[in-house]
Amino acid sequence: MRRISSQPSRPLGPKPGRLVSPLSPEVAVTILNRQRRKRVDLALLRRITLALLGDLGLESAELGIHLVAARQMAQVNWRYLRHEGSTDVITFNHDAGDGAEPGSDRQLYGELFVCVDDAAKQAGEFQTTWRSEIVRYVVHGVLHLLGHDDLEAGPRRKMKRAENRLVRRLEAAFPVSKL
């Protein structure tokens, strides 16, 4: 198992065989499936993510997505945030930036840890599917990387509206049920 680090050990840039967005050669997505409970169509998730990044008008993006089980998510959550237990998505922003507001220069450089077990659990609670929840977690994580915050009520409502709008667009454009 590769070591998880809050700082990239190597650039997430293109590798042979990596799908790169047709919108820009400066947009790349890497997805690693580190869980075995659910089958996930990684190529479809990559296309959905690339469409999301394109829809957001990003000029440059390197995004790593790690699909993990609850046990690994709990380890990441404790190691980096000192929170106990699993959670749906954890975002690591690797953009060194120039002190400007995150996302203001239309670039993104980070990683998302998405818990597939939590997606399955929450799908039952929200009367949706675990596949739809995974798409929602990716959207939510990307919005965090672009500077959205959900700690206070006002910004949380704004972020939730953006998240819902983007999820609806992606679900209309892709067969999320086949994810």
Foldseek 3Di string as FASTA:
>chain_A
DDDDDLADPDALADDPPFDAQPVANQAGEAEAEADDPDDDPVVQVRVLLSVLLVVLVAHHEREYEYEHAFVVQQVVCCVPPVDGTHDAKDKRFNDPDDPDAQQPNRYGYIYMYGHLNVLCVVCVVVVHHSLLSRSLRSLLRVVVNRRQDCPDDPSVVVSVVVSVVSSVVSVVVGVSVRD
